Amino acid sequence: MIATKGTGFDVVLVSGEPYADHPLSPVGMIARVLDAEGYTVGVIECPDWKGKEDFLKLGRPRLFFGITSGSIDSMLVNYTPLKRERAVDPNAPFQSRMPDRAVIVYANRIRELHKGVRIVLGGIEASLRRFTHYDYWGDDVRRSILLDTRADILVYGPGEIQVVEIAKRLDRGEGLDGIRGTCVMRAEAPEGALVIPSFEEVKADK
């Protein structure tokens, strides 16, 4: 079952874009693969991040919240390459206004309202910020988005296979280490891992 109303869902997906039950919709695709595996899925589309109601209306999911800005980075939605705020298009079929760095804003709002809930990040905005990265908009080096959101796991690239594995593991009470195509935060690198420069090293060498 996939719905935008109700409570008692296994998974709740949060997107900065309107939900469409279509293969070209990232949230639509993820919702369908979870539904095919027998999980109930709630979808929160274009939430009002300034209030609490939208993040509470579907209740607390049994397994996790999945968060994405949608099919495009929120900073590209809101600003031109010259860093000017984009004008509203009166001819657009819908207006999807989302906050700057939407994934961080949504995740922190959920953390505030649903203490201890599992959070899974996905989509282009999270994928491109999974490691230390240069932020064009702030002209600065920023740390991994996992730290800013305090998420449990980040799925990068197409996530249909990973999100099902995450749901199954959480359903069985298992950990999330070792899922290909994902990132998690750990205090120490596993044995044999390739260690890249740290945030502090990159920021000092910019």
C-alpha atoms as a PDB file:
ATOM      1  CA  MET A   1       0.000   0.000   0.000  1.00  0.00           C
ATOM      2  CA  ILE A   2       1.189   3.505  -0.880  1.00  0.00           C
ATOM      3  CA  ALA A   3      -0.670   6.520   0.519  1.00  0.00           C
ATOM      4  CA  THR A   4      -0.322  10.218   1.318  1.00  0.00           C
ATOM      5  CA  LYS A   5      -2.797   9.989   4.213  1.00  0.00           C
ATOM      6  CA  GLY A   6      -3.137   7.721   7.213  1.00  0.00           C
ATOM      7  CA  THR A   7      -0.800   6.297   9.877  1.00  0.00           C
ATOM      8  CA  GLY A   8       0.876   3.022  10.800  1.00  0.00           C
ATOM      9  CA  PHE A   9       3.226   2.817   7.817  1.00  0.00           C
ATOM     10  CA  ASP A  10       6.351   0.674   7.668  1.00  0.00           C
ATOM     11  CA  VAL A  11       8.216   3.402   5.784  1.00  0.00           C
ATOM     12  CA  VAL A  12       7.519   7.105   5.298  1.00  0.00           C
ATOM     13  CA  LEU A  13       9.197   8.851   2.347  1.00  0.00           C
ATOM     14  CA  VAL A  14       9.716  12.624   2.431  1.00  0.00           C
ATOM     15  CA  SER A  15      10.314  14.507  -0.828  1.00  0.00           C
ATOM     16  CA  GLY A  16      10.718  18.144  -1.770  1.00  0.00           C
ATOM     17  CA  GLU A  17       8.849  17.430  -5.009  1.00  0.00           C
ATOM     18  CA  PRO A  18       5.211  16.496  -5.622  1.00  0.00           C
ATOM     19  CA  TYR A  19       4.679  12.730  -5.532  1.00  0.00           C
ATOM     20  CA  ALA A  20       3.927  10.971  -8.804  1.00  0.00           C
ATOM     21  CA  ASP A  21       3.264   7.258  -9.222  1.00  0.00           C
ATOM     22  CA  HIS A  22       5.526   7.115 -12.264  1.00  0.00           C
ATOM     23  CA  PRO A  23       8.929   5.564 -13.145  1.00  0.00           C
ATOM     24  CA  LEU A  24      10.412   9.038 -13.694  1.00  0.00           C
ATOM     25  CA  SER A  25       9.568  10.041 -10.122  1.00  0.00           C
ATOM     26  CA  PRO A  26      12.370   9.020  -7.711  1.00  0.00           C
ATOM     27  CA  VAL A  27       9.999   8.716  -4.754  1.00  0.00           C
ATOM     28  CA  GLY A  28       7.413   6.993  -6.929  1.00  0.00           C
ATOM     29  CA  MET A  29       9.954   4.350  -7.939  1.00  0.00           C
ATOM     30  CA  ILE A  30      11.218   3.744  -4.389  1.00  0.00           C
ATOM     31  CA  ALA A  31       7.661   3.559  -3.060  1.00  0.00           C
ATOM     32  CA  ARG A  32       6.742   0.962  -5.674  1.00  0.00           C
ATOM     33  CA  VAL A  33       9.694  -1.361  -5.008  1.00  0.00           C
ATOM     34  CA  LEU A  34       8.984  -1.259  -1.268  1.00  0.00           C
ATOM     35  CA  ASP A  35       5.292  -1.876  -1.907  1.00  0.00           C
ATOM     36  CA  ALA A  36       6.184  -4.866  -4.095  1.00  0.00           C
ATOM     37  CA  GLU A  37       8.091  -6.352  -1.151  1.00  0.00           C
ATOM     38  CA  GLY A  38       5.030  -6.090   1.070  1.00  0.00           C
ATOM     39  CA  TYR A  39       5.862  -2.906   2.994  1.00  0.00           C
ATOM     40  CA  THR A  40       3.317  -0.156   3.566  1.00  0.00           C
ATOM     41  CA  VAL A  41       4.605   3.228   2.409  1.00  0.00           C
ATOM     42  CA  GLY A  42       3.488   6.736   3.305  1.00  0.00           C
ATOM     43  CA  VAL A  43       4.599   9.730   1.242  1.00  0.00           C
ATOM     44  CA  ILE A  44       5.005  13.299   2.505  1.00  0.00           C
ATOM     45  CA  GLU A  45       5.348  15.596  -0.504  1.00  0.00           C
ATOM     46  CA  CYS A  46       6.600  19.189  -0.412  1.00  0.00           C
ATOM     47  CA  PRO A  47       6.392  19.511   3.392  1.00  0.00           C
ATOM     48  CA  ASP A  48       6.153  22.908   5.049  1.00  0.00           C
ATOM     49  CA  TRP A  49       9.465  22.836   6.893  1.00  0.00           C
ATOM     50  CA  LYS A  50       8.576  25.889   8.988  1.00  0.00           C
ATOM     51  CA  GLY A  51       5.864  24.002  10.850  1.00  0.00           C
ATOM     52  CA  LYS A  52       5.413  20.589  12.473  1.00  0.00           C
ATOM     53  CA  GLU A  53       2.132  19.383  11.003  1.00  0.00           C
ATOM     54  CA  ASP A  54       3.406  17.916   7.724  1.00  0.00           C
ATOM     55  CA  PHE A  55       6.100  15.878   9.484  1.00  0.00           C
ATOM     56  CA  LEU A  56       3.623  14.510  12.024  1.00  0.00           C
ATOM     57  CA  LYS A  57       0.579  13.790   9.858  1.00  0.00           C
ATOM     58  CA  LEU A  58       1.604  10.252   8.823  1.00  0.00           C
ATOM     59  CA  GLY A  59       2.884   9.311  12.260  1.00  0.00           C
ATOM     60  CA  ARG A  60       6.111   7.515  13.103  1.00  0.00           C
ATOM     61  CA  PRO A  61       7.063   4.750  10.645  1.00  0.00           C
ATOM     62  CA  ARG A  62       7.822   1.269  11.963  1.00  0.00           C
ATOM     63  CA  LEU A  63      11.140   1.025  10.081  1.00  0.00           C
ATOM     64  CA  PHE A  64      12.442   4.377   8.835  1.00  0.00           C
ATOM     65  CA  PHE A  65      11.953   7.776   7.247  1.00  0.00           C
ATOM     66  CA  GLY A  66      13.438   8.058   3.747  1.00  0.00           C
ATOM     67  CA  ILE A  67      14.436  11.608   2.813  1.00  0.00           C
ATOM     68  CA  THR A  68      15.256  13.200  -0.544  1.00  0.00           C
ATOM     69  CA  SER A  69      15.039  16.640  -2.112  1.00  0.00           C
ATOM     70  CA  GLY A  70      13.671  14.950  -5.238  1.00  0.00           C
ATOM     71  CA  SER A  71      15.095  14.638  -8.726  1.00  0.00           C
ATOM     72  CA  ILE A  72      17.164  17.829  -8.472  1.00  0.00           C
ATOM     73  CA  ASP A  73      19.379  19.499  -5.876  1.00  0.00           C
ATOM     74  CA  SER A  74      17.469  22.031  -3.767  1.00  0.00           C
ATOM     75  CA  MET A  75      20.150  24.682  -4.288  1.00  0.00           C
ATOM     76  CA  LEU A  76      19.724  24.386  -8.063  1.00  0.00           C
ATOM     77  CA  VAL A  77      15.968  24.655  -7.629  1.00  0.00           C
ATOM     78  CA  ASN A  78      16.319  27.861  -5.622  1.00  0.00           C
ATOM     79  CA  TYR A  79      19.272  29.654  -7.272  1.00  0.00           C
ATOM     80  CA  THR A  80      20.814  30.356 -10.666  1.00  0.00           C
ATOM     81  CA  PRO A  81      24.522  29.646 -11.349  1.00  0.00           C
ATOM     82  CA  LEU A  82      25.117  33.343 -10.559  1.00  0.00           C
ATOM     83  CA  LYS A  83      23.670  32.714  -7.071  1.00  0.00           C
ATOM     84  CA  ARG A  84      20.557  34.769  -7.746  1.00  0.00           C
ATOM     85  CA  GLU A  85      17.258  33.536  -6.385  1.00  0.00           C
ATOM     86  CA  ARG A  86      15.208  31.940  -9.126  1.00  0.00           C
ATOM     87  CA  ALA A  87      11.977  33.647 -10.109  1.00  0.00           C
ATOM     88  CA  VAL A  88       8.696  31.793  -9.771  1.00  0.00           C
ATOM     89  CA  ASP A  89       7.485  30.503 -13.134  1.00  0.00           C
ATOM     90  CA  PRO A  90       3.791  31.445 -13.512  1.00  0.00           C
ATOM     91  CA  ASN A  91       3.410  28.869 -16.318  1.00  0.00           C
ATOM     92  CA  ALA A  92       4.670  25.905 -14.297  1.00  0.00           C
ATOM     93  CA  PRO A  93       1.998  23.277 -13.523  1.00  0.00           C
ATOM     94  CA  PHE A  94       3.061  23.326  -9.877  1.00  0.00           C
ATOM     95  CA  GLN A  95       5.406  25.292  -7.658  1.00  0.00           C
ATOM     96  CA  SER A  96       7.647  23.144  -5.504  1.00  0.00           C
ATOM     97  CA  ARG A  97       9.336  25.556  -3.136  1.00  0.00           C
ATOM     98  CA  MET A  98      11.770  23.788  -0.867  1.00  0.00           C
ATOM     99  CA  PRO A  99      14.305  25.078   1.655  1.00  0.00           C
ATOM    100  CA  ASP A 100      17.971  25.540   0.871  1.00  0.00           C
ATOM    101  CA  ARG A 101      19.793  22.270   1.577  1.00  0.00           C
ATOM    102  CA  ALA A 102      16.429  20.565   1.880  1.00  0.00           C
ATOM    103  CA  VAL A 103      17.753  17.149   2.927  1.00  0.00           C
ATOM    104  CA  ILE A 104      19.451  18.641   5.996  1.00  0.00           C
ATOM    105  CA  VAL A 105      16.393  20.722   6.905  1.00  0.00           C
ATOM    106  CA  TYR A 106      13.954  17.812   6.560  1.00  0.00           C
ATOM    107  CA  ALA A 107      16.186  15.395   8.479  1.00  0.00           C
ATOM    108  CA  ASN A 108      16.734  17.754  11.382  1.00  0.00           C
ATOM    109  CA  ARG A 109      13.009  18.503  11.567  1.00  0.00           C
ATOM    110  CA  ILE A 110      12.258  14.790  11.742  1.00  0.00           C
ATOM    111  CA  ARG A 111      14.957  14.260  14.375  1.00  0.00           C
ATOM    112  CA  GLU A 112      13.318  16.999  16.435  1.00  0.00           C
ATOM    113  CA  LEU A 113       9.813  15.541  16.183  1.00  0.00           C
ATOM    114  CA  HIS A 114      10.508  11.786  16.118  1.00  0.00           C
ATOM    115  CA  LYS A 115      13.255  11.057  18.625  1.00  0.00           C
ATOM    116  CA  GLY A 116      15.375   8.005  17.840  1.00  0.00           C
ATOM    117  CA  VAL A 117      13.701   7.169  14.521  1.00  0.00           C
ATOM    118  CA  ARG A 118      15.804   5.654  11.735  1.00  0.00           C
ATOM    119  CA  ILE A 119      16.612   8.021   8.855  1.00  0.00           C
ATOM    120  CA  VAL A 120      17.725   6.978   5.363  1.00  0.00           C
ATOM    121  CA  LEU A 121      18.992   9.592   2.892  1.00  0.00           C
ATOM    122  CA  GLY A 122      18.838   9.260  -0.881  1.00  0.00           C
ATOM    123  CA  GLY A 123      18.670  11.183  -4.143  1.00  0.00           C
ATOM    124  CA  ILE A 124      21.030  13.489  -6.000  1.00  0.00           C
ATOM    125  CA  GLU A 125      21.468  16.024  -3.192  1.00  0.00           C
ATOM    126  CA  ALA A 126      22.573  13.425  -0.654  1.00  0.00           C
ATOM    127  CA  SER A 127      24.625  11.415  -3.157  1.00  0.00           C
ATOM    128  CA  LEU A 128      26.823  14.353  -4.141  1.00  0.00           C
ATOM    129  CA  ARG A 129      27.425  15.302  -0.509  1.00  0.00           C
ATOM    130  CA  ARG A 130      28.258  11.912   0.958  1.00  0.00           C
ATOM    131  CA  PHE A 131      31.931  12.853   1.482  1.00  0.00           C
ATOM    132  CA  THR A 132      33.724  16.093   2.293  1.00  0.00           C
ATOM    133  CA  HIS A 133      32.869  18.402  -0.606  1.00  0.00           C
ATOM    134  CA  TYR A 134      33.240  21.914  -1.963  1.00  0.00           C
ATOM    135  CA  ASP A 135      30.058  23.939  -1.574  1.00  0.00           C
ATOM    136  CA  TYR A 136      29.772  26.425  -4.440  1.00  0.00           C
ATOM    137  CA  TRP A 137      26.945  28.363  -2.812  1.00  0.00           C
ATOM    138  CA  GLY A 138      28.865  29.067   0.383  1.00  0.00           C
ATOM    139  CA  ASP A 139      32.325  29.022  -1.262  1.00  0.00           C
ATOM    140  CA  ASP A 140      33.522  26.678   1.450  1.00  0.00           C
ATOM    141  CA  VAL A 141      34.402  23.068   2.163  1.00  0.00           C
ATOM    142  CA  ARG A 142      31.626  21.208   3.974  1.00  0.00           C
ATOM    143  CA  ARG A 143      31.656  17.892   5.805  1.00  0.00           C
ATOM    144  CA  SER A 144      29.604  14.837   4.877  1.00  0.00           C
ATOM    145  CA  ILE A 145      25.862  15.362   4.890  1.00  0.00           C
ATOM    146  CA  LEU A 146      25.618  12.316   7.173  1.00  0.00           C
ATOM    147  CA  LEU A 147      27.052  14.436   9.983  1.00  0.00           C
ATOM    148  CA  ASP A 148      24.767  17.410   9.350  1.00  0.00           C
ATOM    149  CA  THR A 149      21.656  15.210   9.277  1.00  0.00           C
ATOM    150  CA  ARG A 150      22.631  12.556  11.850  1.00  0.00           C
ATOM    151  CA  ALA A 151      21.147  10.001   9.447  1.00  0.00           C
ATOM    152  CA  ASP A 152      21.668   6.272   9.922  1.00  0.00           C
ATOM    153  CA  ILE A 153      22.614   5.521   6.318  1.00  0.00           C
ATOM    154  CA  LEU A 154      22.939   7.247   2.932  1.00  0.00           C
ATOM    155  CA  VAL A 155      22.081   5.583  -0.379  1.00  0.00           C
ATOM    156  CA  TYR A 156      23.923   6.987  -3.388  1.00  0.00           C
ATOM    157  CA  GLY A 157      22.975   6.523  -7.022  1.00  0.00           C
ATOM    158  CA  PRO A 158      19.927   4.437  -7.961  1.00  0.00           C
ATOM    159  CA  GLY A 159      18.587   3.053  -4.697  1.00  0.00           C
ATOM    160  CA  GLU A 160      15.947   0.457  -5.550  1.00  0.00           C
ATOM    161  CA  ILE A 161      18.048  -2.529  -4.439  1.00  0.00           C
ATOM    162  CA  GLN A 162      19.596  -0.845  -1.412  1.00  0.00           C
ATOM    163  CA  VAL A 163      16.352   0.484   0.054  1.00  0.00           C
ATOM    164  CA  VAL A 164      14.781  -2.972  -0.006  1.00  0.00           C
ATOM    165  CA  GLU A 165      17.845  -4.450   1.706  1.00  0.00           C
ATOM    166  CA  ILE A 166      17.724  -1.695   4.342  1.00  0.00           C
ATOM    167  CA  ALA A 167      14.038  -2.366   5.011  1.00  0.00           C
ATOM    168  CA  LYS A 168      14.602  -6.119   5.306  1.00  0.00           C
ATOM    169  CA  ARG A 169      17.539  -5.723   7.677  1.00  0.00           C
ATOM    170  CA  LEU A 170      15.700  -3.305   9.943  1.00  0.00           C
ATOM    171  CA  ASP A 171      12.682  -5.607   9.861  1.00  0.00           C
ATOM    172  CA  ARG A 172      14.919  -8.416  11.149  1.00  0.00           C
ATOM    173  CA  GLY A 173      16.625  -6.181  13.705  1.00  0.00           C
ATOM    174  CA  GLU A 174      19.985  -6.362  11.914  1.00  0.00           C
ATOM    175  CA  GLY A 175      22.675  -3.715  11.374  1.00  0.00           C
ATOM    176  CA  LEU A 176      23.216  -1.683   8.214  1.00  0.00           C
ATOM    177  CA  ASP A 177      26.931  -2.245   7.603  1.00  0.00           C
ATOM    178  CA  GLY A 178      28.184  -3.636   4.304  1.00  0.00           C
ATOM    179  CA  ILE A 179      25.332  -2.735   1.937  1.00  0.00           C
ATOM    180  CA  ARG A 180      26.856  -1.884  -1.441  1.00  0.00           C
ATOM    181  CA  GLY A 181      25.983   1.594  -2.685  1.00  0.00           C
ATOM    182  CA  THR A 182      25.557   3.046   0.800  1.00  0.00           C
ATOM    183  CA  CYS A 183      27.507   5.119   3.329  1.00  0.00           C
ATOM    184  CA  VAL A 184      27.379   4.924   7.117  1.00  0.00           C
ATOM    185  CA  MET A 185      29.264   6.766   9.842  1.00  0.00           C
ATOM    186  CA  ARG A 186      31.769   4.790  11.906  1.00  0.00           C
ATOM    187  CA  ALA A 187      34.396   5.832  14.463  1.00  0.00           C
ATOM    188  CA  GLU A 188      37.075   3.730  12.755  1.00  0.00           C
ATOM    189  CA  ALA A 189      37.592   2.518   9.195  1.00  0.00           C
ATOM    190  CA  PRO A 190      37.205  -1.247   8.698  1.00  0.00           C
ATOM    191  CA  GLU A 191      40.315  -3.300   8.064  1.00  0.00           C
ATOM    192  CA  GLY A 192      41.520  -3.072   4.471  1.00  0.00           C
ATOM    193  CA  ALA A 193      39.493   0.052   3.650  1.00  0.00           C
ATOM    194  CA  LEU A 194      40.921   2.778   1.425  1.00  0.00           C
ATOM    195  CA  VAL A 195      41.276   5.849   3.647  1.00  0.00           C
ATOM    196  CA  ILE A 196      40.776   9.194   1.903  1.00  0.00           C
ATOM    197  CA  PRO A 197      41.767  12.604   3.351  1.00  0.00           C
ATOM    198  CA  SER A 198      39.669  13.727   6.305  1.00  0.00           C
ATOM    199  CA  PHE A 199      37.426  16.793   6.383  1.00  0.00           C
ATOM    200  CA  GLU A 200      40.024  18.661   8.442  1.00  0.00           C
ATOM    201  CA  GLU A 201      42.782  17.823   5.953  1.00  0.00           C
ATOM    202  CA  VAL A 202      40.712  18.837   2.943  1.00  0.00           C
ATOM    203  CA  LYS A 203      39.529  22.085   4.528  1.00  0.00           C
ATOM    204  CA  ALA A 204      43.074  23.045   5.551  1.00  0.00           C
ATOM    205  CA  ASP A 205      44.392  22.326   2.041  1.00  0.00           C
ATOM    206  CA  LYS A 206      41.707  24.139   0.060  1.00  0.00           C
END
